[in-house]
């Protein structure tokens, strides 16, 4: 299981602006991490669908903690 960092961004005039970030500490694969982050982001912002607050979700491995 890996750690993932998912950044959510809103695009304005083609330029992405980060509006939030979610850390997923345990996920079997990147797709599950992305789905979990989408749900968590939506709940944190009080919306049904994360796309109401952001246009894109970018997935990257989270840095390893020491």
N, C-alpha and C. Protein backbone atom coordinates (compact mmCIF):
# COMPACT_ATOMS: atom_id res chain seq x y z
N UNK A 1 0.84 -1.17 0.00
CA UNK A 1 0.00 0.00 0.00
C UNK A 1 0.89 1.24 0.00
N UNK A 2 0.43 2.24 -0.72
CA UNK A 2 1.22 3.46 -0.89
C UNK A 2 0.48 4.67 -0.37
N UNK A 3 1.26 5.73 -0.15
CA UNK A 3 0.70 7.03 0.21
C UNK A 3 0.57 7.87 -1.05
N UNK A 4 -0.50 8.65 -1.09
CA UNK A 4 -0.73 9.50 -2.26
C UNK A 4 -1.12 10.90 -1.83
N UNK A 5 -0.78 11.85 -2.68
CA UNK A 5 -1.16 13.25 -2.49
C UNK A 5 -1.93 13.67 -3.74
N UNK A 6 -3.17 14.12 -3.54
CA UNK A 6 -4.00 14.53 -4.65
C UNK A 6 -4.27 16.02 -4.53
N UNK A 7 -3.96 16.78 -5.58
CA UNK A 7 -4.20 18.21 -5.59
C UNK A 7 -5.38 18.52 -6.50
N UNK A 8 -6.27 19.37 -6.00
CA UNK A 8 -7.44 19.79 -6.76
C UNK A 8 -7.21 21.23 -7.20
N UNK A 9 -7.51 21.50 -8.46
CA UNK A 9 -7.26 22.84 -9.01
C UNK A 9 -8.46 23.34 -9.80
N UNK A 10 -8.63 24.64 -9.78
CA UNK A 10 -9.65 25.34 -10.57
C UNK A 10 -8.90 26.07 -11.68
N UNK A 11 -9.34 25.90 -12.91
CA UNK A 11 -8.68 26.58 -14.02
C UNK A 11 -9.39 27.88 -14.34
N UNK A 12 -8.63 28.96 -14.37
CA UNK A 12 -9.14 30.28 -14.72
C UNK A 12 -8.29 30.79 -15.88
N UNK A 13 -8.94 31.01 -17.01
CA UNK A 13 -8.25 31.42 -18.24
C UNK A 13 -7.12 30.46 -18.60
N UNK A 14 -7.35 29.17 -18.37
CA UNK A 14 -6.38 28.14 -18.72
C UNK A 14 -5.26 27.95 -17.73
N UNK A 15 -5.25 28.71 -16.65
CA UNK A 15 -4.20 28.60 -15.65
C UNK A 15 -4.77 27.89 -14.42
N UNK A 16 -4.14 26.76 -13.99
CA UNK A 16 -4.66 26.04 -12.83
C UNK A 16 -4.23 26.71 -11.51
N UNK A 17 -5.21 26.88 -10.62
CA UNK A 17 -4.96 27.40 -9.27
C UNK A 17 -5.39 26.34 -8.27
N UNK A 18 -4.47 25.93 -7.41
CA UNK A 18 -4.76 24.89 -6.43
C UNK A 18 -5.80 25.40 -5.43
N UNK A 19 -6.88 24.63 -5.26
CA UNK A 19 -7.93 25.00 -4.31
C UNK A 19 -7.98 24.03 -3.13
N UNK A 20 -7.25 22.95 -3.20
CA UNK A 20 -7.22 22.00 -2.10
C UNK A 20 -6.28 20.85 -2.37
N UNK A 21 -5.97 20.15 -1.29
CA UNK A 21 -5.08 19.01 -1.37
C UNK A 21 -5.53 17.98 -0.36
N UNK A 22 -5.49 16.70 -0.75
CA UNK A 22 -5.91 15.62 0.14
C UNK A 22 -4.80 14.58 0.19
N UNK A 23 -4.48 14.14 1.39
CA UNK A 23 -3.50 13.08 1.60
C UNK A 23 -4.24 11.78 1.84
N UNK A 24 -3.91 10.75 1.07
CA UNK A 24 -4.46 9.41 1.27
C UNK A 24 -3.28 8.56 1.76
N UNK A 25 -3.38 8.08 2.98
CA UNK A 25 -2.25 7.39 3.59
C UNK A 25 -2.13 5.92 3.19
N UNK A 26 -3.25 5.31 2.83
CA UNK A 26 -3.18 3.91 2.41
C UNK A 26 -4.18 3.66 1.29
N UNK A 27 -3.67 3.19 0.17
CA UNK A 27 -4.53 2.81 -0.95
C UNK A 27 -3.86 1.68 -1.73
N UNK A 28 -4.66 0.79 -2.23
CA UNK A 28 -4.13 -0.35 -2.98
C UNK A 28 -3.51 0.08 -4.30
N UNK A 29 -4.15 1.05 -4.95
CA UNK A 29 -3.65 1.51 -6.24
C UNK A 29 -4.02 2.98 -6.44
N UNK A 30 -3.44 3.64 -7.43
CA UNK A 30 -3.71 5.07 -7.64
C UNK A 30 -5.17 5.39 -7.92
N UNK A 31 -5.88 4.50 -8.61
CA UNK A 31 -7.29 4.76 -8.91
C UNK A 31 -8.14 4.82 -7.64
N UNK A 32 -7.87 3.92 -6.71
CA UNK A 32 -8.61 3.93 -5.44
C UNK A 32 -8.26 5.16 -4.61
N UNK A 33 -7.01 5.55 -4.65
CA UNK A 33 -6.59 6.75 -3.92
C UNK A 33 -7.28 7.99 -4.48
N UNK A 34 -7.35 8.08 -5.80
CA UNK A 34 -8.00 9.22 -6.43
C UNK A 34 -9.48 9.27 -6.08
N UNK A 35 -10.15 8.14 -6.13
CA UNK A 35 -11.58 8.09 -5.80
C UNK A 35 -11.82 8.47 -4.33
N UNK A 36 -10.99 7.96 -3.44
CA UNK A 36 -11.13 8.30 -2.02
C UNK A 36 -10.91 9.79 -1.79
N UNK A 37 -9.93 10.36 -2.49
CA UNK A 37 -9.65 11.80 -2.36
C UNK A 37 -10.81 12.64 -2.89
N UNK A 38 -11.40 12.21 -3.99
CA UNK A 38 -12.54 12.95 -4.55
C UNK A 38 -13.70 12.99 -3.55
N UNK A 39 -13.98 11.86 -2.92
CA UNK A 39 -15.06 11.79 -1.93
C UNK A 39 -14.74 12.66 -0.72
N UNK A 40 -13.51 12.56 -0.22
CA UNK A 40 -13.11 13.34 0.94
C UNK A 40 -13.14 14.85 0.66
N UNK A 41 -12.67 15.24 -0.52
CA UNK A 41 -12.68 16.65 -0.91
C UNK A 41 -14.11 17.19 -0.97
N UNK A 42 -15.00 16.42 -1.59
CA UNK A 42 -16.40 16.85 -1.71
C UNK A 42 -17.03 17.00 -0.33
N UNK A 43 -16.82 16.06 0.55
CA UNK A 43 -17.39 16.13 1.90
C UNK A 43 -16.83 17.31 2.67
N UNK A 44 -15.54 17.57 2.52
CA UNK A 44 -14.91 18.68 3.25
C UNK A 44 -15.47 20.03 2.79
N UNK A 45 -15.90 20.12 1.54
CA UNK A 45 -16.42 21.37 1.00
C UNK A 45 -17.94 21.43 1.00
N UNK A 46 -18.59 20.38 1.50
CA UNK A 46 -20.04 20.38 1.61
C UNK A 46 -20.77 20.34 0.28
N UNK A 47 -20.20 19.64 -0.69
CA UNK A 47 -20.83 19.53 -2.00
C UNK A 47 -21.02 18.06 -2.34
N UNK A 48 -21.91 17.79 -3.29
CA UNK A 48 -22.18 16.41 -3.71
C UNK A 48 -21.07 15.86 -4.61
N UNK A 49 -20.54 16.72 -5.48
CA UNK A 49 -19.54 16.30 -6.45
C UNK A 49 -18.35 17.25 -6.38
N UNK A 50 -17.14 16.72 -6.34
CA UNK A 50 -15.94 17.54 -6.20
C UNK A 50 -15.78 18.53 -7.36
N UNK A 51 -16.38 18.24 -8.50
CA UNK A 51 -16.25 19.12 -9.68
C UNK A 51 -16.98 20.45 -9.50
N UNK A 52 -17.79 20.56 -8.45
CA UNK A 52 -18.44 21.84 -8.17
C UNK A 52 -17.43 22.87 -7.64
N UNK A 53 -16.34 22.41 -7.08
CA UNK A 53 -15.31 23.30 -6.51
C UNK A 53 -14.00 23.29 -7.27
N UNK A 54 -13.75 22.25 -8.07
CA UNK A 54 -12.47 22.14 -8.77
C UNK A 54 -12.70 21.59 -10.18
N UNK A 55 -11.76 21.86 -11.06
CA UNK A 55 -11.85 21.36 -12.43
C UNK A 55 -10.99 20.12 -12.65
N UNK A 56 -9.87 20.04 -11.95
CA UNK A 56 -8.96 18.91 -12.15
C UNK A 56 -8.49 18.34 -10.81
N UNK A 57 -8.12 17.07 -10.86
CA UNK A 57 -7.52 16.39 -9.71
C UNK A 57 -6.25 15.73 -10.21
N UNK A 58 -5.12 16.09 -9.62
CA UNK A 58 -3.82 15.60 -10.05
C UNK A 58 -3.25 14.68 -8.98
N UNK A 59 -2.91 13.45 -9.37
CA UNK A 59 -2.43 12.45 -8.44
C UNK A 59 -0.90 12.32 -8.52
N UNK A 60 -0.24 12.27 -7.38
CA UNK A 60 1.19 12.06 -7.31
C UNK A 60 1.51 11.27 -6.05
N UNK A 61 2.57 10.47 -6.07
CA UNK A 61 2.98 9.77 -4.85
C UNK A 61 3.35 10.78 -3.80
N UNK A 62 2.90 10.56 -2.58
CA UNK A 62 3.26 11.43 -1.48
C UNK A 62 4.70 11.16 -1.09
N UNK A 63 5.42 12.18 -0.65
CA UNK A 63 6.80 11.96 -0.20
C UNK A 63 6.83 11.02 0.99
N UNK A 64 7.82 10.17 1.02
CA UNK A 64 7.95 9.21 2.11
C UNK A 64 8.29 9.93 3.41
N UNK A 65 7.61 9.54 4.48
CA UNK A 65 7.90 10.15 5.78
C UNK A 65 9.03 9.39 6.44
N UNK A 66 9.82 10.11 7.21
CA UNK A 66 10.98 9.49 7.85
C UNK A 66 10.80 9.40 9.32
